[in-house]
C-alpha atoms as a PDB file:
ATOM      1  CA  MET A   1      -0.013   0.023  -0.036  1.00  0.00           C
ATOM      2  CA  GLY A   2       1.524   3.225  -1.128  1.00  0.00           C
ATOM      3  CA  SER A   3       0.774   6.983  -0.547  1.00  0.00           C
ATOM      4  CA  GLY A   4      -2.491   6.844  -2.777  1.00  0.00           C
ATOM      5  CA  SER A   5      -3.901   4.032  -0.841  1.00  0.00           C
ATOM      6  CA  LEU A   6      -6.327   6.026   1.164  1.00  0.00           C
ATOM      7  CA  ALA A   7      -8.164   7.212  -1.931  1.00  0.00           C
ATOM      8  CA  ALA A   8      -7.868   3.816  -3.575  1.00  0.00           C
ATOM      9  CA  MET A   9      -9.411   2.147  -0.471  1.00  0.00           C
ATOM     10  CA  SER A  10     -12.376   4.498  -0.517  1.00  0.00           C
ATOM     11  CA  VAL A  11     -13.292   3.275  -3.883  1.00  0.00           C
ATOM     12  CA  PHE A  12     -12.933  -0.300  -2.936  1.00  0.00           C
ATOM     13  CA  GLU A  13     -15.087   0.188   0.210  1.00  0.00           C
ATOM     14  CA  SER A  14     -17.937   1.893  -1.588  1.00  0.00           C
ATOM     15  CA  ARG A  15     -18.042  -0.300  -4.758  1.00  0.00           C
ATOM     16  CA  TYR A  16     -16.907  -3.823  -3.805  1.00  0.00           C
ATOM     17  CA  LYS A  17     -19.500  -6.577  -3.751  1.00  0.00           C
ATOM     18  CA  PRO A  18     -19.202 -10.361  -3.686  1.00  0.00           C
ATOM     19  CA  ASN A  19     -19.292 -12.269  -7.106  1.00  0.00           C
ATOM     20  CA  MET A  20     -18.536  -9.323  -9.266  1.00  0.00           C
ATOM     21  CA  LYS A  21     -18.224  -9.841 -13.038  1.00  0.00           C
ATOM     22  CA  ARG A  22     -14.647  -9.626 -14.427  1.00  0.00           C
ATOM     23  CA  GLU A  23     -15.313  -6.361 -16.338  1.00  0.00           C
ATOM     24  CA  GLU A  24     -16.956  -4.719 -13.269  1.00  0.00           C
ATOM     25  CA  ALA A  25     -14.106  -5.803 -11.064  1.00  0.00           C
ATOM     26  CA  MET A  26     -11.590  -4.510 -13.434  1.00  0.00           C
ATOM     27  CA  GLN A  27     -13.346  -1.143 -13.529  1.00  0.00           C
ATOM     28  CA  THR A  28     -13.554  -0.934  -9.943  1.00  0.00           C
ATOM     29  CA  VAL A  29      -9.769  -1.620  -9.551  1.00  0.00           C
ATOM     30  CA  ARG A  30      -8.983   0.841 -12.368  1.00  0.00           C
ATOM     31  CA  ASP A  31     -10.947   3.628 -10.694  1.00  0.00           C
ATOM     32  CA  ALA A  32      -9.446   2.877  -7.249  1.00  0.00           C
ATOM     33  CA  ILE A  33      -5.934   3.247  -8.734  1.00  0.00           C
ATOM     34  CA  ALA A  34      -6.986   6.409 -10.655  1.00  0.00           C
ATOM     35  CA  GLY A  35      -8.279   7.779  -7.214  1.00  0.00           C
ATOM     36  CA  GLY A  36      -4.844   7.224  -5.887  1.00  0.00           C
ATOM     37  CA  VAL A  37      -3.080   8.832  -8.858  1.00  0.00           C
ATOM     38  CA  PHE A  38      -5.372  11.980  -8.755  1.00  0.00           C
ATOM     39  CA  ASN A  39      -5.181  12.381  -5.093  1.00  0.00           C
ATOM     40  CA  ASP A  40      -1.450  11.926  -4.456  1.00  0.00           C
ATOM     41  CA  LEU A  41       1.226  13.692  -6.448  1.00  0.00           C
ATOM     42  CA  GLY A  42       3.602  10.830  -5.964  1.00  0.00           C
ATOM     43  CA  SER A  43       1.562   8.074  -7.454  1.00  0.00           C
ATOM     44  CA  GLY A  44       2.430   8.302 -11.131  1.00  0.00           C
ATOM     45  CA  THR A  45       0.170   8.256 -14.132  1.00  0.00           C
ATOM     46  CA  ASN A  46      -0.155   4.813 -15.546  1.00  0.00           C
ATOM     47  CA  ILE A  47      -2.752   2.196 -14.467  1.00  0.00           C
ATOM     48  CA  ASP A  48      -1.545  -1.425 -14.529  1.00  0.00           C
ATOM     49  CA  LEU A  49      -3.763  -4.342 -13.715  1.00  0.00           C
ATOM     50  CA  CYS A  50      -2.897  -7.934 -12.796  1.00  0.00           C
ATOM     51  CA  ILE A  51      -5.632 -10.479 -13.401  1.00  0.00           C
ATOM     52  CA  ILE A  52      -5.073 -13.643 -11.308  1.00  0.00           C
ATOM     53  CA  THR A  53      -7.280 -16.695 -12.134  1.00  0.00           C
ATOM     54  CA  LYS A  54      -6.851 -20.406 -11.171  1.00  0.00           C
ATOM     55  CA  ASP A  55      -5.323 -20.936 -14.757  1.00  0.00           C
ATOM     56  CA  LYS A  56      -3.041 -17.999 -15.256  1.00  0.00           C
ATOM     57  CA  VAL A  57      -1.858 -14.548 -14.458  1.00  0.00           C
ATOM     58  CA  ASP A  58      -2.320 -11.763 -17.045  1.00  0.00           C
ATOM     59  CA  TYR A  59      -0.440  -8.420 -16.707  1.00  0.00           C
ATOM     60  CA  LEU A  60      -2.176  -5.518 -18.345  1.00  0.00           C
ATOM     61  CA  ARG A  61       0.486  -2.863 -18.571  1.00  0.00           C
ATOM     62  CA  PRO A  62      -0.590  -0.212 -19.261  1.00  0.00           C
ATOM     63  CA  TYR A  63      -4.247  -0.778 -18.760  1.00  0.00           C
ATOM     64  CA  ASP A  64      -5.065   2.895 -18.793  1.00  0.00           C
ATOM     65  CA  GLU A  65      -3.260   6.198 -18.412  1.00  0.00           C
ATOM     66  CA  ALA A  66      -5.102   8.259 -15.838  1.00  0.00           C
ATOM     67  CA  ASN A  67      -3.198  11.518 -15.944  1.00  0.00           C
ATOM     68  CA  ILE A  68      -1.901  12.376 -19.423  1.00  0.00           C
ATOM     69  CA  LYS A  69       1.045  14.742 -19.224  1.00  0.00           C
ATOM     70  CA  GLY A  70       0.605  18.025 -21.114  1.00  0.00           C
ATOM     71  CA  GLN A  71       2.932  19.787 -23.302  1.00  0.00           C
ATOM     72  CA  ARG A  72       5.041  22.653 -21.802  1.00  0.00           C
ATOM     73  CA  GLN A  73       3.848  26.017 -22.908  1.00  0.00           C
ATOM     74  CA  GLY A  74       7.265  27.767 -22.618  1.00  0.00           C
ATOM     75  CA  SER A  75      10.756  27.481 -21.278  1.00  0.00           C
ATOM     76  CA  TYR A  76      11.203  27.083 -17.501  1.00  0.00           C
ATOM     77  CA  ARG A  77      14.826  27.949 -17.543  1.00  0.00           C
ATOM     78  CA  TYR A  78      15.912  31.092 -15.833  1.00  0.00           C
ATOM     79  CA  ALA A  79      19.120  33.005 -16.535  1.00  0.00           C
ATOM     80  CA  ARG A  80      21.944  32.747 -13.942  1.00  0.00           C
ATOM     81  CA  GLY A  81      21.453  35.623 -11.434  1.00  0.00           C
ATOM     82  CA  THR A  82      17.762  35.862 -11.966  1.00  0.00           C
ATOM     83  CA  THR A  83      17.133  34.961  -8.292  1.00  0.00           C
ATOM     84  CA  GLY A  84      19.498  36.600  -5.793  1.00  0.00           C
ATOM     85  CA  VAL A  85      21.369  34.388  -3.382  1.00  0.00           C
ATOM     86  CA  LEU A  86      21.496  36.259  -0.075  1.00  0.00           C
ATOM     87  CA  ASN A  87      24.154  34.111   1.518  1.00  0.00           C
ATOM     88  CA  THR A  88      25.758  30.648   1.207  1.00  0.00           C
ATOM     89  CA  THR A  89      26.772  28.475   4.192  1.00  0.00           C
ATOM     90  CA  VAL A  90      28.110  24.976   3.977  1.00  0.00           C
ATOM     91  CA  LYS A  91      27.814  23.112   7.305  1.00  0.00           C
ATOM     92  CA  LYS A  92      29.654  19.843   7.957  1.00  0.00           C
ATOM     93  CA  ILE A  93      27.503  17.208   9.431  1.00  0.00           C
ATOM     94  CA  ASP A  94      29.182  14.564  11.590  1.00  0.00           C
ATOM     95  CA  TYR A  95      27.662  11.012  11.332  1.00  0.00           C
ATOM     96  CA  ASP A  96      28.428   7.439  12.023  1.00  0.00           C
ATOM     97  CA  VAL A  97      27.311   4.531   9.821  1.00  0.00           C
ATOM     98  CA  THR A  98      25.735   2.070  12.087  1.00  0.00           C
ATOM     99  CA  SER A  99      24.969  -0.599   9.603  1.00  0.00           C
ATOM    100  CA  ALA A 100      24.818  -1.163   5.730  1.00  0.00           C
ATOM    101  CA  ALA A 101      23.016  -3.766   3.784  1.00  0.00           C
ATOM    102  CA  ILE A 102      22.432  -4.518   0.135  1.00  0.00           C
ATOM    103  CA  LYS A 103      19.328  -6.354  -0.872  1.00  0.00           C
ATOM    104  CA  GLN A 104      18.254  -7.664  -4.275  1.00  0.00           C
ATOM    105  CA  LEU A 105      14.661  -6.887  -5.167  1.00  0.00           C
ATOM    106  CA  GLU A 106      12.422  -9.133  -7.067  1.00  0.00           C
ATOM    107  CA  VAL A 107      11.680  -8.008 -10.777  1.00  0.00           C
ATOM    108  CA  MET A 108       8.107  -8.215 -12.022  1.00  0.00           C
ATOM    109  CA  GLU A 109       7.715  -9.826 -15.436  1.00  0.00           C
ATOM    110  CA  THR A 110       6.360  -7.393 -17.976  1.00  0.00           C
ATOM    111  CA  ASP A 111       6.130  -9.516 -21.196  1.00  0.00           C
END
């Protein structure tokens, strides 16, 4: 569960019912993920579904794109010196490394 999970859970809680048809369930999951995307800036834009049945697993990537990125209207670069720097201070931070670990993550198949 990520940062968009509260919005997604509200869709599940309001629309889930037992014995849903496949298409209705897919639409509910799609809408739940879209709720997370639209109500959390860190949740991305694509909606991927994973359909698990007793016979197989289907990855639908991308199933939908909830938030299509627009075109930039102009340049967002500013010339050096546009914003004045009042002062610059570099502070040294002392720290001790208490432990370090490297973990390999599982990779999801994408076909």
